[in-house]
N, C-alpha and C. Protein backbone atom coordinates (compact mmCIF):
# COMPACT_ATOMS: atom_id res chain seq x y z
N MET A 1 0.79 -0.90 -0.08
CA MET A 1 -0.23 0.11 0.10
C MET A 1 1.40 1.39 -0.13
N ILE A 2 1.99 1.48 0.55
CA ILE A 2 3.24 2.41 1.18
C ILE A 2 3.28 2.31 -0.40
N LYS A 3 3.62 1.57 -0.71
CA LYS A 3 4.41 1.35 -2.31
C LYS A 3 3.92 2.17 -3.73
N GLN A 4 2.28 1.43 -3.42
CA GLN A 4 1.32 2.32 -4.49
C GLN A 4 1.36 3.91 -4.48
N THR A 5 1.02 4.64 -2.89
CA THR A 5 1.07 5.67 -2.78
C THR A 5 2.08 6.74 -2.94
N LEU A 6 3.38 5.85 -3.19
CA LEU A 6 4.92 6.69 -3.49
C LEU A 6 4.67 6.68 -4.89
N THR A 7 4.36 5.54 -5.74
CA THR A 7 4.53 5.96 -6.78
C THR A 7 3.57 6.92 -7.72
N LYS A 8 2.39 6.92 -7.40
CA LYS A 8 1.65 7.69 -7.52
C LYS A 8 1.44 9.14 -7.07
N GLU A 9 2.53 9.41 -6.06
CA GLU A 9 3.01 11.11 -5.77
C GLU A 9 4.41 11.00 -6.15
N ARG A 10 4.96 10.27 -6.89
CA ARG A 10 6.43 10.32 -7.73
C ARG A 10 5.65 10.86 -9.25
N THR A 11 4.53 10.03 -9.87
CA THR A 11 3.71 10.43 -11.50
C THR A 11 3.39 12.03 -11.11
N ARG A 12 2.22 12.15 -10.63
CA ARG A 12 1.53 13.26 -9.66
C ARG A 12 2.86 14.57 -9.84
N LYS A 13 4.16 14.45 -9.60
CA LYS A 13 4.52 15.37 -9.50
C LYS A 13 5.40 15.43 -10.78
N ARG A 14 5.70 14.11 -11.59
CA ARG A 14 6.60 14.33 -12.51
C ARG A 14 5.40 15.42 -13.45
N HIS A 15 4.11 14.84 -13.93
CA HIS A 15 3.07 15.50 -14.10
C HIS A 15 2.71 16.84 -14.11
N GLN A 16 2.96 17.57 -12.68
CA GLN A 16 3.12 18.42 -12.41
C GLN A 16 4.43 19.58 -12.91
N ARG A 17 5.93 18.93 -13.05
CA ARG A 17 6.55 19.32 -13.66
C ARG A 17 6.33 19.28 -15.41
N ILE A 18 6.40 18.39 -15.86
CA ILE A 18 6.01 18.57 -17.36
C ILE A 18 5.24 19.63 -17.50
N ARG A 19 3.45 19.92 -16.93
CA ARG A 19 2.63 21.21 -17.24
C ARG A 19 3.41 22.10 -16.80
N ASN A 20 3.72 22.76 -16.01
CA ASN A 20 4.77 23.83 -16.23
C ASN A 20 5.68 23.97 -16.91
N LYS A 21 5.66 23.43 -17.86
CA LYS A 21 6.52 23.86 -18.83
C LYS A 21 6.24 23.90 -20.34
N ILE A 22 4.77 23.04 -20.21
CA ILE A 22 4.30 22.88 -21.79
C ILE A 22 3.19 23.83 -21.54
N SER A 23 2.44 24.27 -22.75
CA SER A 23 1.46 24.50 -23.08
C SER A 23 0.90 24.29 -24.91
N GLY A 24 -0.27 24.41 -25.06
CA GLY A 24 -0.64 24.33 -26.34
C GLY A 24 -1.54 25.28 -26.72
N THR A 25 -1.36 25.52 -28.37
CA THR A 25 -1.77 26.86 -28.69
C THR A 25 -2.37 26.40 -30.12
N LYS A 26 -3.33 26.89 -30.57
CA LYS A 26 -4.00 27.22 -31.93
C LYS A 26 -3.38 26.19 -32.96
N ASP A 27 -2.31 26.80 -32.77
CA ASP A 27 -1.29 26.35 -33.91
C ASP A 27 -0.36 24.90 -33.65
N ARG A 28 -0.28 24.79 -32.32
CA ARG A 28 0.68 23.89 -32.22
C ARG A 28 0.04 23.28 -30.92
N PRO A 29 -0.87 22.44 -30.46
CA PRO A 29 -2.07 22.19 -29.41
C PRO A 29 -1.00 21.10 -28.37
N ARG A 30 -1.14 20.55 -27.18
CA ARG A 30 -1.20 20.18 -26.47
C ARG A 30 -1.18 18.50 -26.84
N LEU A 31 -0.75 17.96 -27.39
CA LEU A 31 -1.42 15.79 -27.16
C LEU A 31 -1.21 15.03 -26.02
N CYS A 32 -2.37 14.85 -25.57
CA CYS A 32 -2.41 14.61 -23.68
C CYS A 32 -2.70 12.96 -23.56
N ILE A 33 -2.15 12.45 -23.39
CA ILE A 33 -2.18 11.42 -23.31
C ILE A 33 -2.72 10.99 -21.68
N TYR A 34 -3.65 9.78 -21.03
CA TYR A 34 -3.63 9.39 -20.51
C TYR A 34 -4.52 7.75 -19.76
N LYS A 35 -3.48 7.15 -19.56
CA LYS A 35 -3.73 5.73 -19.86
C LYS A 35 -4.63 4.70 -18.17
N SER A 36 -5.27 4.14 -18.43
CA SER A 36 -6.36 3.29 -16.84
C SER A 36 -5.52 2.22 -17.17
N ASN A 37 -6.11 1.36 -15.99
CA ASN A 37 -5.98 -0.06 -16.37
C ASN A 37 -6.53 -0.70 -17.37
N LYS A 38 -7.70 -0.09 -17.60
CA LYS A 38 -8.26 -0.65 -19.23
C LYS A 38 -8.14 -0.28 -20.64
N HIS A 39 -8.22 1.24 -20.27
CA HIS A 39 -8.23 1.61 -21.78
C HIS A 39 -7.02 3.01 -22.46
N ILE A 40 -6.36 3.77 -22.90
CA ILE A 40 -5.81 4.47 -23.22
C ILE A 40 -6.88 5.78 -23.85
N TYR A 41 -6.58 7.13 -23.24
CA TYR A 41 -7.33 8.17 -23.67
C TYR A 41 -6.58 9.16 -24.47
N ALA A 42 -6.47 9.78 -25.17
CA ALA A 42 -6.33 10.97 -26.05
C ALA A 42 -6.66 11.94 -26.33
N GLN A 43 -5.99 13.39 -26.58
CA GLN A 43 -7.02 14.64 -26.89
C GLN A 43 -5.39 15.80 -27.30
N LEU A 44 -5.97 16.78 -27.98
CA LEU A 44 -5.68 17.50 -28.33
C LEU A 44 -6.22 18.77 -27.85
N ILE A 45 -5.16 19.29 -27.28
CA ILE A 45 -5.89 20.64 -26.09
C ILE A 45 -5.26 22.02 -26.67
N ASP A 46 -6.21 22.99 -27.00
CA ASP A 46 -5.30 24.45 -27.15
C ASP A 46 -5.72 24.92 -25.91
N ASP A 47 -4.91 25.17 -24.77
CA ASP A 47 -4.89 25.60 -23.77
C ASP A 47 -5.31 27.18 -23.39
N VAL A 48 -5.07 28.29 -24.55
CA VAL A 48 -5.18 29.53 -24.88
C VAL A 48 -6.52 29.78 -24.92
N GLU A 49 -7.24 29.13 -25.32
CA GLU A 49 -8.50 28.83 -25.86
C GLU A 49 -9.40 28.08 -24.27
N ALA A 50 -8.37 26.97 -23.61
CA ALA A 50 -9.57 26.21 -22.76
C ALA A 50 -10.55 25.64 -23.65
N LYS A 51 -9.82 25.24 -24.64
CA LYS A 51 -11.21 24.11 -25.46
C LYS A 51 -10.17 22.63 -26.02
N THR A 52 -10.78 21.37 -26.41
CA THR A 52 -10.16 20.67 -26.61
C THR A 52 -10.46 20.42 -28.42
N LEU A 53 -9.60 20.00 -28.97
CA LEU A 53 -9.52 20.24 -30.31
C LEU A 53 -10.46 18.74 -30.99
N LEU A 54 -9.51 17.69 -30.73
CA LEU A 54 -9.85 16.46 -30.76
C LEU A 54 -9.33 15.51 -29.89
N SER A 55 -10.50 14.21 -29.67
CA SER A 55 -9.83 13.02 -29.06
C SER A 55 -10.26 11.53 -29.18
N CYS A 56 -9.69 10.82 -29.16
CA CYS A 56 -9.63 9.91 -29.45
C CYS A 56 -9.45 8.72 -28.20
N SER A 57 -10.33 7.47 -28.09
CA SER A 57 -10.18 6.75 -26.98
C SER A 57 -10.04 5.23 -27.50
N THR A 58 -9.91 4.32 -26.60
CA THR A 58 -10.08 2.29 -26.53
C THR A 58 -10.97 2.20 -27.00
N ALA A 59 -12.06 3.21 -25.47
CA ALA A 59 -13.60 2.91 -25.08
C ALA A 59 -14.12 3.33 -26.00
N GLN A 60 -14.28 4.10 -27.27
CA GLN A 60 -15.05 4.07 -27.99
C GLN A 60 -15.59 2.66 -28.99
N PRO A 61 -16.71 3.26 -29.27
CA PRO A 61 -17.44 1.72 -29.38
C PRO A 61 -17.27 1.00 -31.11
N SER A 62 -16.80 1.96 -31.76
CA SER A 62 -16.60 1.88 -32.98
C SER A 62 -15.36 1.23 -33.07
N LEU A 63 -14.21 1.13 -31.85
CA LEU A 63 -13.06 0.29 -31.92
C LEU A 63 -12.86 -1.12 -31.01
N LYS A 64 -14.35 -1.53 -31.07
CA LYS A 64 -14.08 -2.21 -30.50
C LYS A 64 -14.41 -4.11 -31.33
N THR A 65 -14.50 -3.29 -32.35
CA THR A 65 -14.40 -4.57 -33.77
C THR A 65 -12.90 -4.55 -33.97
N GLN A 66 -12.26 -3.87 -34.02
CA GLN A 66 -10.93 -3.44 -34.59
C GLN A 66 -9.86 -3.94 -33.20
N ILE A 67 -10.01 -4.08 -32.60
CA ILE A 67 -8.76 -3.88 -31.59
C ILE A 67 -9.19 -5.41 -30.82
N LYS A 68 -8.50 -6.21 -30.13
CA LYS A 68 -8.54 -7.53 -29.01
C LYS A 68 -8.66 -7.12 -27.89
N SER A 69 -7.86 -6.14 -27.99
CA SER A 69 -7.59 -5.59 -25.96
C SER A 69 -7.52 -4.20 -26.37
N THR A 70 -7.94 -3.74 -25.37
CA THR A 70 -7.89 -2.02 -24.96
C THR A 70 -6.42 -1.90 -24.08
N TRP A 71 -5.80 -2.50 -23.68
CA TRP A 71 -4.76 -1.89 -22.84
C TRP A 71 -3.33 -2.22 -23.26
N THR A 72 -3.07 -2.83 -24.83
CA THR A 72 -1.92 -3.23 -25.29
C THR A 72 -1.17 -2.18 -25.78
N LYS A 73 -0.69 -2.37 -25.60
CA LYS A 73 0.57 -1.31 -27.00
C LYS A 73 0.32 -1.25 -28.22
N GLU A 74 -0.01 -2.07 -29.05
CA GLU A 74 -0.93 -2.44 -30.12
C GLU A 74 -2.78 -1.25 -29.98
N ALA A 75 -2.99 -1.37 -29.16
CA ALA A 75 -4.05 -0.62 -28.86
C ALA A 75 -3.69 0.53 -28.95
N ALA A 76 -2.49 0.75 -28.14
CA ALA A 76 -1.93 2.38 -27.92
C ALA A 76 -0.96 2.89 -29.14
N LYS A 77 -0.40 2.44 -29.91
CA LYS A 77 -0.19 2.63 -31.18
C LYS A 77 -0.91 2.96 -32.34
N MET A 78 -2.47 2.16 -32.21
CA MET A 78 -3.45 2.40 -33.00
C MET A 78 -4.21 3.76 -32.80
N ILE A 79 -4.45 4.05 -31.16
CA ILE A 79 -5.01 5.29 -31.22
C ILE A 79 -4.23 6.27 -31.72
N GLY A 80 -2.54 6.06 -31.39
CA GLY A 80 -1.44 7.11 -31.57
C GLY A 80 -2.04 7.53 -33.06
N GLY A 81 -2.30 6.93 -34.26
CA GLY A 81 -2.27 6.46 -35.60
C GLY A 81 -4.09 7.27 -35.88
N MET A 82 -4.39 6.99 -34.94
CA MET A 82 -6.14 7.86 -35.53
C MET A 82 -6.05 8.89 -34.92
N ILE A 83 -5.75 9.76 -33.82
CA ILE A 83 -5.74 11.09 -33.69
C ILE A 83 -4.93 11.73 -34.26
N ALA A 84 -3.87 11.16 -34.93
CA ALA A 84 -2.72 11.74 -35.71
C ALA A 84 -3.59 12.41 -37.03
N LYS A 85 -4.31 10.85 -37.56
CA LYS A 85 -4.97 11.48 -38.56
C LYS A 85 -5.30 12.14 -38.93
N SER A 86 -6.49 11.99 -37.87
CA SER A 86 -7.89 13.57 -37.32
C SER A 86 -7.17 14.56 -37.19
N ALA A 87 -5.91 14.72 -36.80
CA ALA A 87 -5.16 15.73 -36.58
C ALA A 87 -4.24 16.64 -37.90
N VAL A 88 -3.96 15.73 -38.84
CA VAL A 88 -3.21 16.11 -40.19
C VAL A 88 -4.83 16.27 -41.09
N ASP A 89 -5.85 15.77 -41.31
CA ASP A 89 -6.87 16.32 -41.87
C ASP A 89 -7.27 17.34 -41.09
N LYS A 90 -7.19 17.87 -40.17
CA LYS A 90 -7.58 19.20 -39.58
C LYS A 90 -6.64 20.34 -40.05
N GLY A 91 -5.46 20.10 -40.35
CA GLY A 91 -4.80 20.78 -41.08
C GLY A 91 -3.53 20.89 -39.52
N ILE A 92 -3.46 19.86 -38.61
CA ILE A 92 -2.48 20.12 -37.62
C ILE A 92 -1.21 19.45 -37.65
N LYS A 93 0.06 19.50 -38.09
CA LYS A 93 1.26 18.96 -38.10
C LYS A 93 1.48 19.01 -36.92
N SER A 94 1.67 19.73 -36.25
CA SER A 94 3.04 19.90 -35.28
C SER A 94 1.91 20.02 -34.14
N VAL A 95 2.63 19.37 -33.10
CA VAL A 95 1.98 19.32 -31.22
C VAL A 95 3.05 19.14 -30.33
N VAL A 96 2.81 20.07 -29.51
CA VAL A 96 3.50 19.35 -28.16
C VAL A 96 2.63 18.10 -27.34
N PHE A 97 4.08 17.25 -26.93
CA PHE A 97 3.75 16.07 -26.73
C PHE A 97 3.58 15.64 -24.44
N ASP A 98 1.96 15.89 -24.40
CA ASP A 98 2.50 15.89 -22.76
C ASP A 98 2.05 14.21 -22.51
N ARG A 99 2.87 13.42 -22.16
CA ARG A 99 3.15 12.39 -21.25
C ARG A 99 2.02 11.67 -20.24
N GLY A 100 1.82 12.80 -19.60
CA GLY A 100 0.75 12.85 -18.00
C GLY A 100 1.49 12.12 -17.41
N GLY A 101 2.72 13.04 -17.04
CA GLY A 101 3.29 12.02 -16.01
C GLY A 101 3.80 10.64 -15.85
N ASN A 102 3.70 9.58 -17.04
CA ASN A 102 4.44 8.87 -17.42
C ASN A 102 5.30 8.53 -17.77
N ARG A 103 6.17 7.72 -17.80
CA ARG A 103 7.35 7.80 -18.30
C ARG A 103 7.12 7.56 -19.53
N TYR A 104 8.29 7.84 -20.47
CA TYR A 104 8.19 7.34 -22.14
C TYR A 104 8.74 6.20 -22.50
N HIS A 105 7.88 5.42 -22.32
CA HIS A 105 8.33 3.81 -21.88
C HIS A 105 7.18 3.10 -22.50
N GLY A 106 7.35 1.47 -23.40
CA GLY A 106 6.09 1.04 -23.17
C GLY A 106 4.75 1.41 -24.11
N LYS A 107 3.57 1.40 -23.17
CA LYS A 107 2.00 1.87 -23.97
C LYS A 107 2.37 3.57 -24.59
N VAL A 108 3.36 4.40 -23.69
CA VAL A 108 3.22 5.79 -23.83
C VAL A 108 3.98 6.17 -25.32
N MET A 109 5.34 5.16 -25.12
CA MET A 109 6.08 5.13 -26.50
C MET A 109 5.76 4.59 -27.82
N ALA A 110 4.26 3.65 -27.58
CA ALA A 110 4.06 2.76 -28.76
C ALA A 110 2.84 4.12 -29.24
N PHE A 111 2.34 4.81 -27.86
CA PHE A 111 1.14 6.20 -28.56
C PHE A 111 1.64 6.94 -29.54
N ALA A 112 3.03 7.37 -28.83
CA ALA A 112 4.11 8.49 -29.96
C ALA A 112 4.50 7.71 -31.24
N ASP A 113 5.09 6.57 -31.13
CA ASP A 113 5.16 6.01 -32.43
C ASP A 113 3.94 5.81 -33.64
N GLY A 114 2.86 5.97 -32.97
CA GLY A 114 1.87 5.32 -33.88
C GLY A 114 1.50 6.85 -34.27
N ALA A 115 1.87 8.10 -33.30
CA ALA A 115 1.33 9.35 -34.08
C ALA A 115 2.19 9.88 -34.81
N LYS A 116 3.67 9.50 -34.77
CA LYS A 116 4.61 10.12 -35.52
C LYS A 116 4.70 9.91 -36.90
N GLY A 117 4.42 8.21 -37.34
CA GLY A 117 4.02 7.58 -37.83
C GLY A 117 3.10 8.16 -39.30
N ALA A 118 2.42 8.48 -38.76
CA ALA A 118 1.00 8.78 -39.29
C ALA A 118 1.14 10.35 -39.48
N GLY A 119 1.94 10.79 -39.65
CA GLY A 119 2.24 12.48 -39.42
C GLY A 119 2.72 13.75 -38.80
N LEU A 120 2.24 13.15 -37.43
CA LEU A 120 2.60 14.14 -36.25
C LEU A 120 3.91 14.52 -36.05
N LYS A 121 4.52 15.95 -35.78
CA LYS A 121 5.54 15.93 -35.41
C LYS A 121 5.53 16.70 -34.61
N PHE A 122 6.42 16.13 -33.27
CA PHE A 122 6.59 16.38 -31.44
C PHE A 122 7.42 17.77 -31.65
């Protein structure tokens, strides 16, 4: 129990450090990722106007047939590619990556690789 609390606290501090340094604009929005135990969520956010421009997640009903499980690296890569394609269609080519306090490893790295592969620049 204590180890879990320390891990959450470290993640929270890391996330706060990241958010103090980055901010999204309309031309270069913030690509935010959140992972739960079952799903992966992504948003493109304009912090100046406080608006969400795009969102995508493994919890969407349209993705249930395309992916076997919603918490794998393959699912993260697919979500990264989907949000990147939507962003490129809207004319957004460059983003600021907010990894949400998570280390750049595993699912977060797979998500970033999917987004970069679909044409987004970080």
